[in-house]
């Protein structure tokens, strides 16, 4: 190869969970977004609005709880302060009602009773020969004197995680655990909180699960070096920014 030629594939230095999930769910979308770097359509539905405001309100709730010795600010005051532009929100009355209903369920959930240690904690470390980066939504404990930490991710609904094995379902948190272990050496549980169902799903973590997750990331990195990126029609297709250009998805619509 001549020195002025650019290789067809540059091994990515940084990987995030969004990148991992993209490759698992649809290799074609991964190729278009992360390798070819093609511009995608800006597809933002009501779920995007609701998810953003719920994340910001709950993050502020735990920040106030941490700052005020576990006496959080009233969540409705936070919600009022965090509301998006009133004109925009007024166009989405269904979204407002959903957000308020989900917050009502959150304040009486087991998650709301947790003791926050860090909120939206940034993390970055070398994992499986790439830098895995992200932000942990919540690092917390079950009581203020505990030295065992839990890692929690907030999701609007079950569609935001990969279905399948325990490792795939908790892959984001298992990789965060690998990254965060130097800061939080004793991590006990990993949790997923789903606003839509008010379900708080937790598992006991282990070295074996964590190592399996790292192996899974390694497999995906190898897959990303290949040349075959087939489309996989899935539940995320309607909100994918490349769906208009995806022949497989367009054919699936015609068949329906």
C-alpha atoms as a PDB file:
ATOM      1  CA  UNK A   1       0.000   0.000   0.000  1.00  0.00           C
ATOM      2  CA  UNK A   2       1.357   3.382  -0.957  1.00  0.00           C
ATOM      3  CA  UNK A   3       2.066   5.699   1.936  1.00  0.00           C
ATOM      4  CA  UNK A   4      -0.542   8.220   0.768  1.00  0.00           C
ATOM      5  CA  UNK A   5      -3.347   5.646   0.612  1.00  0.00           C
ATOM      6  CA  UNK A   6      -5.914   5.499   3.403  1.00  0.00           C
ATOM      7  CA  UNK A   7      -6.740   1.994   4.705  1.00  0.00           C
ATOM      8  CA  UNK A   8     -10.319   0.899   4.185  1.00  0.00           C
ATOM      9  CA  UNK A   9     -10.725   0.210   7.897  1.00  0.00           C
ATOM     10  CA  UNK A  10      -9.217   2.005  10.841  1.00  0.00           C
ATOM     11  CA  UNK A  11      -9.621   0.135  14.100  1.00  0.00           C
ATOM     12  CA  UNK A  12     -11.881   2.331  16.247  1.00  0.00           C
ATOM     13  CA  UNK A  13     -10.188   3.710  19.312  1.00  0.00           C
ATOM     14  CA  UNK A  14     -13.384   4.495  21.170  1.00  0.00           C
ATOM     15  CA  UNK A  15     -16.428   2.333  21.631  1.00  0.00           C
ATOM     16  CA  UNK A  16     -19.624   3.193  23.469  1.00  0.00           C
ATOM     17  CA  UNK A  17     -22.656   1.116  24.324  1.00  0.00           C
ATOM     18  CA  UNK A  18     -24.561   2.809  21.492  1.00  0.00           C
ATOM     19  CA  UNK A  19     -21.928   1.541  19.093  1.00  0.00           C
ATOM     20  CA  UNK A  20     -22.018  -1.950  20.594  1.00  0.00           C
ATOM     21  CA  UNK A  21     -25.815  -2.113  20.461  1.00  0.00           C
ATOM     22  CA  UNK A  22     -25.829  -0.891  16.870  1.00  0.00           C
ATOM     23  CA  UNK A  23     -23.563  -3.723  15.740  1.00  0.00           C
ATOM     24  CA  UNK A  24     -25.558  -6.344  17.641  1.00  0.00           C
ATOM     25  CA  UNK A  25     -28.953  -5.186  16.382  1.00  0.00           C
ATOM     26  CA  UNK A  26     -28.124  -4.277  12.787  1.00  0.00           C
ATOM     27  CA  UNK A  27     -24.631  -4.552  11.284  1.00  0.00           C
ATOM     28  CA  UNK A  28     -25.754  -2.501   8.283  1.00  0.00           C
ATOM     29  CA  UNK A  29     -26.760   0.437  10.492  1.00  0.00           C
ATOM     30  CA  UNK A  30     -23.408   0.111  12.307  1.00  0.00           C
ATOM     31  CA  UNK A  31     -21.541   0.227   9.006  1.00  0.00           C
ATOM     32  CA  UNK A  32     -23.433   3.275   7.734  1.00  0.00           C
ATOM     33  CA  UNK A  33     -23.176   5.200  10.992  1.00  0.00           C
ATOM     34  CA  UNK A  34     -19.746   4.345  12.363  1.00  0.00           C
ATOM     35  CA  UNK A  35     -17.628   3.127   9.450  1.00  0.00           C
ATOM     36  CA  UNK A  36     -18.978   4.915   6.384  1.00  0.00           C
ATOM     37  CA  UNK A  37     -20.045   7.845   8.602  1.00  0.00           C
ATOM     38  CA  UNK A  38     -23.055   8.586   6.426  1.00  0.00           C
ATOM     39  CA  UNK A  39     -25.359  11.293   7.680  1.00  0.00           C
ATOM     40  CA  UNK A  40     -28.597   9.949   9.098  1.00  0.00           C
ATOM     41  CA  UNK A  41     -32.063  11.455   9.102  1.00  0.00           C
ATOM     42  CA  UNK A  42     -32.995  13.133  12.372  1.00  0.00           C
ATOM     43  CA  UNK A  43     -35.714  10.810  13.657  1.00  0.00           C
ATOM     44  CA  UNK A  44     -36.963  11.970  17.057  1.00  0.00           C
ATOM     45  CA  UNK A  45     -40.356  10.843  18.224  1.00  0.00           C
ATOM     46  CA  UNK A  46     -42.258  11.418  21.435  1.00  0.00           C
ATOM     47  CA  UNK A  47     -40.208   8.728  23.181  1.00  0.00           C
ATOM     48  CA  UNK A  48     -37.095  10.837  22.702  1.00  0.00           C
ATOM     49  CA  UNK A  49     -38.731  13.825  24.390  1.00  0.00           C
ATOM     50  CA  UNK A  50     -40.075  11.779  27.277  1.00  0.00           C
ATOM     51  CA  UNK A  51     -36.828   9.872  27.792  1.00  0.00           C
ATOM     52  CA  UNK A  52     -34.707  13.012  27.919  1.00  0.00           C
ATOM     53  CA  UNK A  53     -36.825  14.815  30.477  1.00  0.00           C
ATOM     54  CA  UNK A  54     -37.165  11.719  32.691  1.00  0.00           C
ATOM     55  CA  UNK A  55     -33.403  11.209  32.719  1.00  0.00           C
ATOM     56  CA  UNK A  56     -32.743  14.837  33.601  1.00  0.00           C
ATOM     57  CA  UNK A  57     -35.401  14.962  36.340  1.00  0.00           C
ATOM     58  CA  UNK A  58     -34.249  11.746  38.013  1.00  0.00           C
ATOM     59  CA  UNK A  59     -30.593  12.805  37.777  1.00  0.00           C
ATOM     60  CA  UNK A  60     -31.433  16.083  39.546  1.00  0.00           C
ATOM     61  CA  UNK A  61     -33.496  14.178  42.105  1.00  0.00           C
ATOM     62  CA  UNK A  62     -30.480  12.089  43.081  1.00  0.00           C
ATOM     63  CA  UNK A  63     -28.148  15.098  42.990  1.00  0.00           C
ATOM     64  CA  UNK A  64     -30.387  16.889  45.485  1.00  0.00           C
ATOM     65  CA  UNK A  65     -30.617  13.752  47.603  1.00  0.00           C
ATOM     66  CA  UNK A  66     -26.832  13.501  47.717  1.00  0.00           C
ATOM     67  CA  UNK A  67     -26.351  17.210  48.484  1.00  0.00           C
ATOM     68  CA  UNK A  68     -29.039  17.355  51.176  1.00  0.00           C
ATOM     69  CA  UNK A  69     -28.075  14.317  53.223  1.00  0.00           C
ATOM     70  CA  UNK A  70     -30.589  12.023  51.591  1.00  0.00           C
ATOM     71  CA  UNK A  71     -33.438  14.549  51.683  1.00  0.00           C
ATOM     72  CA  UNK A  72     -34.236  15.061  48.000  1.00  0.00           C
ATOM     73  CA  UNK A  73     -35.957  18.049  46.508  1.00  0.00           C
ATOM     74  CA  UNK A  74     -39.610  17.508  45.625  1.00  0.00           C
ATOM     75  CA  UNK A  75     -39.590  15.768  42.267  1.00  0.00           C
ATOM     76  CA  UNK A  76     -42.404  17.954  40.910  1.00  0.00           C
ATOM     77  CA  UNK A  77     -40.384  21.092  41.553  1.00  0.00           C
ATOM     78  CA  UNK A  78     -37.536  19.519  39.608  1.00  0.00           C
ATOM     79  CA  UNK A  79     -39.928  18.474  36.844  1.00  0.00           C
ATOM     80  CA  UNK A  80     -41.330  22.003  36.585  1.00  0.00           C
ATOM     81  CA  UNK A  81     -37.830  23.460  36.391  1.00  0.00           C
ATOM     82  CA  UNK A  82     -36.662  20.897  33.847  1.00  0.00           C
ATOM     83  CA  UNK A  83     -39.635  21.202  31.489  1.00  0.00           C
ATOM     84  CA  UNK A  84     -38.617  21.807  27.885  1.00  0.00           C
ATOM     85  CA  UNK A  85     -39.831  24.889  26.081  1.00  0.00           C
ATOM     86  CA  UNK A  86     -43.511  25.182  27.027  1.00  0.00           C
ATOM     87  CA  UNK A  87     -44.564  25.711  23.442  1.00  0.00           C
ATOM     88  CA  UNK A  88     -42.845  22.516  22.338  1.00  0.00           C
ATOM     89  CA  UNK A  89     -44.189  20.526  25.304  1.00  0.00           C
ATOM     90  CA  UNK A  90     -47.712  21.805  24.673  1.00  0.00           C
ATOM     91  CA  UNK A  91     -47.522  20.156  21.260  1.00  0.00           C
ATOM     92  CA  UNK A  92     -46.968  16.829  23.005  1.00  0.00           C
ATOM     93  CA  UNK A  93     -49.746  16.518  25.628  1.00  0.00           C
ATOM     94  CA  UNK A  94     -49.546  12.741  25.468  1.00  0.00           C
ATOM     95  CA  UNK A  95     -45.823  12.921  26.217  1.00  0.00           C
ATOM     96  CA  UNK A  96     -46.409  15.189  29.204  1.00  0.00           C
ATOM     97  CA  UNK A  97     -49.019  12.831  30.640  1.00  0.00           C
ATOM     98  CA  UNK A  98     -46.721   9.848  30.169  1.00  0.00           C
ATOM     99  CA  UNK A  99     -43.772  11.599  31.817  1.00  0.00           C
ATOM    100  CA  UNK A 100     -45.868  12.602  34.818  1.00  0.00           C
ATOM    101  CA  UNK A 101     -47.305   9.099  35.204  1.00  0.00           C
ATOM    102  CA  UNK A 102     -43.841   7.551  35.033  1.00  0.00           C
ATOM    103  CA  UNK A 103     -42.481   9.975  37.660  1.00  0.00           C
ATOM    104  CA  UNK A 104     -45.361   9.163  40.009  1.00  0.00           C
ATOM    105  CA  UNK A 105     -44.315   5.509  39.836  1.00  0.00           C
ATOM    106  CA  UNK A 106     -40.625   6.320  40.221  1.00  0.00           C
ATOM    107  CA  UNK A 107     -40.933   8.207  43.541  1.00  0.00           C
ATOM    108  CA  UNK A 108     -42.382   5.114  45.248  1.00  0.00           C
ATOM    109  CA  UNK A 109     -39.991   2.656  43.595  1.00  0.00           C
ATOM    110  CA  UNK A 110     -37.136   0.754  45.236  1.00  0.00           C
ATOM    111  CA  UNK A 111     -34.712   2.754  43.103  1.00  0.00           C
ATOM    112  CA  UNK A 112     -35.830   6.081  44.570  1.00  0.00           C
ATOM    113  CA  UNK A 113     -34.871   4.768  48.015  1.00  0.00           C
ATOM    114  CA  UNK A 114     -31.247   4.135  47.004  1.00  0.00           C
ATOM    115  CA  UNK A 115     -28.433   6.276  48.397  1.00  0.00           C
ATOM    116  CA  UNK A 116     -26.614   8.088  45.556  1.00  0.00           C
ATOM    117  CA  UNK A 117     -22.828   8.078  45.364  1.00  0.00           C
ATOM    118  CA  UNK A 118     -22.337   9.456  41.837  1.00  0.00           C
ATOM    119  CA  UNK A 119     -24.748  10.637  39.143  1.00  0.00           C
ATOM    120  CA  UNK A 120     -23.964  10.445  35.417  1.00  0.00           C
ATOM    121  CA  UNK A 121     -20.435   9.365  36.296  1.00  0.00           C
ATOM    122  CA  UNK A 122     -18.101   9.521  33.268  1.00  0.00           C
ATOM    123  CA  UNK A 123     -15.910   6.499  32.677  1.00  0.00           C
ATOM    124  CA  UNK A 124     -13.293   5.522  30.134  1.00  0.00           C
ATOM    125  CA  UNK A 125     -10.823   2.652  30.179  1.00  0.00           C
ATOM    126  CA  UNK A 126      -9.032   0.212  27.920  1.00  0.00           C
ATOM    127  CA  UNK A 127     -11.238  -2.859  27.503  1.00  0.00           C
ATOM    128  CA  UNK A 128     -10.613  -5.582  24.923  1.00  0.00           C
ATOM    129  CA  UNK A 129      -7.997  -3.341  23.242  1.00  0.00           C
ATOM    130  CA  UNK A 130     -10.352  -0.386  22.715  1.00  0.00           C
ATOM    131  CA  UNK A 131     -11.325   2.539  24.881  1.00  0.00           C
ATOM    132  CA  UNK A 132     -14.817   1.876  26.158  1.00  0.00           C
ATOM    133  CA  UNK A 133     -16.462   5.129  27.203  1.00  0.00           C
ATOM    134  CA  UNK A 134     -19.753   6.202  28.681  1.00  0.00           C
ATOM    135  CA  UNK A 135     -21.594   7.676  31.629  1.00  0.00           C
ATOM    136  CA  UNK A 136     -23.051   5.558  34.402  1.00  0.00           C
ATOM    137  CA  UNK A 137     -26.501   6.954  35.160  1.00  0.00           C
ATOM    138  CA  UNK A 138     -26.276   6.151  38.869  1.00  0.00           C
ATOM    139  CA  UNK A 139     -23.756   4.700  41.296  1.00  0.00           C
ATOM    140  CA  UNK A 140     -25.528   4.014  44.579  1.00  0.00           C
ATOM    141  CA  UNK A 141     -25.749   1.915  47.723  1.00  0.00           C
ATOM    142  CA  UNK A 142     -28.610   0.254  49.567  1.00  0.00           C
ATOM    143  CA  UNK A 143     -27.747   2.070  52.804  1.00  0.00           C
ATOM    144  CA  UNK A 144     -25.521   5.068  53.597  1.00  0.00           C
ATOM    145  CA  UNK A 145     -22.838   3.011  55.378  1.00  0.00           C
ATOM    146  CA  UNK A 146     -22.479   0.320  52.735  1.00  0.00           C
ATOM    147  CA  UNK A 147     -19.137  -0.121  50.995  1.00  0.00           C
ATOM    148  CA  UNK A 148     -20.668  -2.186  48.194  1.00  0.00           C
ATOM    149  CA  UNK A 149     -21.793  -0.179  45.198  1.00  0.00           C
ATOM    150  CA  UNK A 150     -24.586  -0.773  42.693  1.00  0.00           C
ATOM    151  CA  UNK A 151     -24.561   0.484  39.108  1.00  0.00           C
ATOM    152  CA  UNK A 152     -27.886   1.506  37.580  1.00  0.00           C
ATOM    153  CA  UNK A 153     -28.985   2.524  34.092  1.00  0.00           C
ATOM    154  CA  UNK A 154     -32.265   4.329  33.391  1.00  0.00           C
ATOM    155  CA  UNK A 155     -34.272   3.221  30.348  1.00  0.00           C
ATOM    156  CA  UNK A 156     -37.574   4.432  28.986  1.00  0.00           C
ATOM    157  CA  UNK A 157     -38.654   0.894  28.197  1.00  0.00           C
ATOM    158  CA  UNK A 158     -37.413  -2.614  27.513  1.00  0.00           C
ATOM    159  CA  UNK A 159     -36.763  -1.737  23.860  1.00  0.00           C
ATOM    160  CA  UNK A 160     -33.619   0.122  24.919  1.00  0.00           C
ATOM    161  CA  UNK A 161     -31.715  -3.009  25.875  1.00  0.00           C
ATOM    162  CA  UNK A 162     -30.703  -5.999  23.790  1.00  0.00           C
ATOM    163  CA  UNK A 163     -32.853  -9.024  24.473  1.00  0.00           C
ATOM    164  CA  UNK A 164     -31.334 -12.466  24.849  1.00  0.00           C
ATOM    165  CA  UNK A 165     -28.833 -13.745  27.370  1.00  0.00           C
ATOM    166  CA  UNK A 166     -28.135 -12.125  30.738  1.00  0.00           C
ATOM    167  CA  UNK A 167     -24.806 -10.899  29.385  1.00  0.00           C
ATOM    168  CA  UNK A 168     -26.417  -9.226  26.362  1.00  0.00           C
ATOM    169  CA  UNK A 169     -29.188  -7.693  28.463  1.00  0.00           C
ATOM    170  CA  UNK A 170     -26.760  -6.268  31.029  1.00  0.00           C
ATOM    171  CA  UNK A 171     -23.851  -5.785  28.633  1.00  0.00           C
ATOM    172  CA  UNK A 172     -23.719  -2.006  29.090  1.00  0.00           C
ATOM    173  CA  UNK A 173     -23.502  -2.273  32.884  1.00  0.00           C
ATOM    174  CA  UNK A 174     -21.067  -5.193  32.830  1.00  0.00           C
ATOM    175  CA  UNK A 175     -18.694  -3.186  30.633  1.00  0.00           C
ATOM    176  CA  UNK A 176     -19.175  -0.131  32.863  1.00  0.00           C
ATOM    177  CA  UNK A 177     -18.256  -2.335  35.805  1.00  0.00           C
ATOM    178  CA  UNK A 178     -15.017  -3.305  34.080  1.00  0.00           C
ATOM    179  CA  UNK A 179     -14.281   0.376  33.507  1.00  0.00           C
ATOM    180  CA  UNK A 180     -15.338   1.606  36.972  1.00  0.00           C
ATOM    181  CA  UNK A 181     -13.757  -1.098  39.127  1.00  0.00           C
ATOM    182  CA  UNK A 182     -10.707   1.048  39.929  1.00  0.00           C
ATOM    183  CA  UNK A 183     -12.975   3.764  41.349  1.00  0.00           C
ATOM    184  CA  UNK A 184     -15.613   1.512  42.896  1.00  0.00           C
ATOM    185  CA  UNK A 185     -13.724  -1.685  43.773  1.00  0.00           C
ATOM    186  CA  UNK A 186     -16.655  -3.503  45.363  1.00  0.00           C
ATOM    187  CA  UNK A 187     -19.608  -3.614  42.958  1.00  0.00           C
ATOM    188  CA  UNK A 188     -22.437  -5.843  44.087  1.00  0.00           C
ATOM    189  CA  UNK A 189     -25.467  -5.402  41.864  1.00  0.00           C
ATOM    190  CA  UNK A 190     -26.326  -4.122  38.406  1.00  0.00           C
ATOM    191  CA  UNK A 191     -29.757  -2.629  37.849  1.00  0.00           C
ATOM    192  CA  UNK A 192     -31.992  -1.543  34.969  1.00  0.00           C
ATOM    193  CA  UNK A 193     -34.901   0.753  35.748  1.00  0.00           C
ATOM    194  CA  UNK A 194     -37.635   0.983  33.097  1.00  0.00           C
ATOM    195  CA  UNK A 195     -39.804   4.085  33.411  1.00  0.00           C
ATOM    196  CA  UNK A 196     -42.642   2.755  31.276  1.00  0.00           C
ATOM    197  CA  UNK A 197     -43.251  -0.366  33.360  1.00  0.00           C
ATOM    198  CA  UNK A 198     -41.803   0.985  36.649  1.00  0.00           C
ATOM    199  CA  UNK A 199     -39.795  -2.238  36.754  1.00  0.00           C
ATOM    200  CA  UNK A 200     -36.449  -2.267  38.553  1.00  0.00           C
ATOM    201  CA  UNK A 201     -34.520  -5.317  37.416  1.00  0.00           C
ATOM    202  CA  UNK A 202     -31.328  -6.193  39.315  1.00  0.00           C
ATOM    203  CA  UNK A 203     -28.757  -8.986  39.168  1.00  0.00           C
ATOM    204  CA  UNK A 204     -25.837  -9.952  41.368  1.00  0.00           C
ATOM    205  CA  UNK A 205     -22.725  -9.338  39.338  1.00  0.00           C
ATOM    206  CA  UNK A 206     -19.686 -11.604  39.214  1.00  0.00           C
ATOM    207  CA  UNK A 207     -16.198 -11.784  37.752  1.00  0.00           C
ATOM    208  CA  UNK A 208     -17.411 -14.515  35.396  1.00  0.00           C
ATOM    209  CA  UNK A 209     -20.211 -12.349  33.986  1.00  0.00           C
ATOM    210  CA  UNK A 210     -17.872  -9.387  33.635  1.00  0.00           C
ATOM    211  CA  UNK A 211     -15.241 -11.434  31.800  1.00  0.00           C
ATOM    212  CA  UNK A 212     -17.891 -12.886  29.487  1.00  0.00           C
ATOM    213  CA  UNK A 213     -19.000  -9.346  28.635  1.00  0.00           C
ATOM    214  CA  UNK A 214     -15.421  -8.383  27.786  1.00  0.00           C
ATOM    215  CA  UNK A 215     -15.160 -11.458  25.552  1.00  0.00           C
ATOM    216  CA  UNK A 216     -18.413 -10.419  23.884  1.00  0.00           C
ATOM    217  CA  UNK A 217     -16.991  -6.972  23.174  1.00  0.00           C
ATOM    218  CA  UNK A 218     -13.869  -8.594  21.738  1.00  0.00           C
ATOM    219  CA  UNK A 219     -16.010 -10.680  19.377  1.00  0.00           C
ATOM    220  CA  UNK A 220     -17.834  -7.578  18.202  1.00  0.00           C
ATOM    221  CA  UNK A 221     -14.570  -5.731  17.556  1.00  0.00           C
ATOM    222  CA  UNK A 222     -13.428  -8.619  15.352  1.00  0.00           C
ATOM    223  CA  UNK A 223     -16.782  -8.595  13.558  1.00  0.00           C
ATOM    224  CA  UNK A 224     -16.411  -4.861  12.931  1.00  0.00           C
ATOM    225  CA  UNK A 225     -13.136  -5.494  11.084  1.00  0.00           C
ATOM    226  CA  UNK A 226     -14.905  -7.663   8.524  1.00  0.00           C
ATOM    227  CA  UNK A 227     -16.587  -6.750   5.271  1.00  0.00           C
ATOM    228  CA  UNK A 228     -20.047  -8.266   5.751  1.00  0.00           C
ATOM    229  CA  UNK A 229     -22.639  -6.011   7.361  1.00  0.00           C
ATOM    230  CA  UNK A 230     -26.110  -7.420   6.655  1.00  0.00           C
ATOM    231  CA  UNK A 231     -29.289  -5.562   7.545  1.00  0.00           C
ATOM    232  CA  UNK A 232     -31.365  -7.010  10.342  1.00  0.00           C
ATOM    233  CA  UNK A 233     -34.973  -5.862  10.404  1.00  0.00           C
ATOM    234  CA  UNK A 234     -35.897  -5.238  14.034  1.00  0.00           C
ATOM    235  CA  UNK A 235     -38.148  -3.155  16.297  1.00  0.00           C
ATOM    236  CA  UNK A 236     -35.828  -0.148  16.050  1.00  0.00           C
ATOM    237  CA  UNK A 237     -36.100   0.166  12.262  1.00  0.00           C
ATOM    238  CA  UNK A 238     -38.912   2.784  12.232  1.00  0.00           C
ATOM    239  CA  UNK A 239     -36.733   5.225  14.187  1.00  0.00           C
ATOM    240  CA  UNK A 240     -33.454   4.383  12.443  1.00  0.00           C
ATOM    241  CA  UNK A 241     -32.048   7.341  10.551  1.00  0.00           C
ATOM    242  CA  UNK A 242     -31.198   5.085   7.605  1.00  0.00           C
ATOM    243  CA  UNK A 243     -34.533   3.266   7.173  1.00  0.00           C
ATOM    244  CA  UNK A 244     -35.418   5.199   4.006  1.00  0.00           C
ATOM    245  CA  UNK A 245     -32.238   3.884   2.379  1.00  0.00           C
ATOM    246  CA  UNK A 246     -32.573   0.337   3.658  1.00  0.00           C
ATOM    247  CA  UNK A 247     -33.941  -1.992   0.982  1.00  0.00           C
ATOM    248  CA  UNK A 248     -34.495  -4.800   3.486  1.00  0.00           C
ATOM    249  CA  UNK A 249     -36.658  -2.625   5.725  1.00  0.00           C
ATOM    250  CA  UNK A 250     -38.592  -1.157   2.804  1.00  0.00           C
ATOM    251  CA  UNK A 251     -39.346  -4.666   1.525  1.00  0.00           C
ATOM    252  CA  UNK A 252     -40.547  -5.679   4.996  1.00  0.00           C
ATOM    253  CA  UNK A 253     -43.037  -2.792   4.977  1.00  0.00           C
ATOM    254  CA  UNK A 254     -44.376  -3.843   1.574  1.00  0.00           C
ATOM    255  CA  UNK A 255     -44.823  -7.448   2.778  1.00  0.00           C
ATOM    256  CA  UNK A 256     -46.902  -6.242   5.733  1.00  0.00           C
END
